[in-house]
Amino acid sequence: MSGDITKKGAGSAVGQRSSAGDIASFLDRAKSVGPAAAIGRGRLIFALDATMSRQPMWDLATKLQADMFSEAQNAGGNGLDVQLVFYRGLAECRASRWVRDSETLTTLMRRITVEGGQTQIRRVLLHARDETRGERVQAMVFVGDAVEEDVDALASLAGELGLLKLPCFMFQEGYDPGVEAAFKMVARLSGGAWSRFDAGAAHQLKSLLGAVAAYASGGRKALESLSYRGGDGARLLLSQVR
């Protein structure tokens, strides 16, 4: 169902130090780049940590992802295509084909089991960068609870995604302050947003996923419309996205 994410281009802008001046300079550059117009259907990368501790969240995300498609339809765009990306084990990071409906995505997700391993967020960001260089991707969602990588390398890649107008929506389970700082940084530099959610509050994650899908399908206007209709996730994201 999926293909291994290669390391092509992995040396580009990775491993460089990210000073406060570098970040300020990047943000100035990002403001000078006009927004890329969405063409056809919205495209959303749905990325998840599938290491051993993540089985309950994987099961929850499998149930909730249908809301992404319904909110995209409500957004009034041309529909939504979703690509599942996940990592697990010592070096496995895979991306599915692009799918157009929740039934197909559910089938794909139910075939996957979690395995022990460390985070591979860098490889997810590299894949998102390469994917949107080939064909425009409107947004990326990442759901996880840990960061075990060089944060400066993640910052460099997040900056590249910001220049490509691919915002990352980083949703954190738990209260680890180091993870929070890293997720917020990736969200800010890419032009996206961060939010924490509780494992026992499914409605929180459902609202957040639906809001990102609306954004991917219909842009900021769709997010604003969802917020007016009482979408808590949409209101939270609107307060952060550029």
Foldseek 3Di string as FASTA:
>chain_A
DWDFQDCVPVVPQFPDACDPVNLVVLVVLLVVADDDDDDAFFEEEEEEEQADVCVLVLVLCLVQLQLLQVLLVVLVFRAYWYKYWYDADARGIIIHDIDGHSVVVSVVSVVDHGHHYADDVLSVLVVVLVVCVVPNHQEYEYEDADDDDDLRRLLSSLLSLSSSNYAYEYEHEDDDPVVVVSSQSSRQNNQWYYDYDYSVCSVVVSLQSNLVSSCSRNNLVSLVVVVVVPRPNSVRGVVGGD
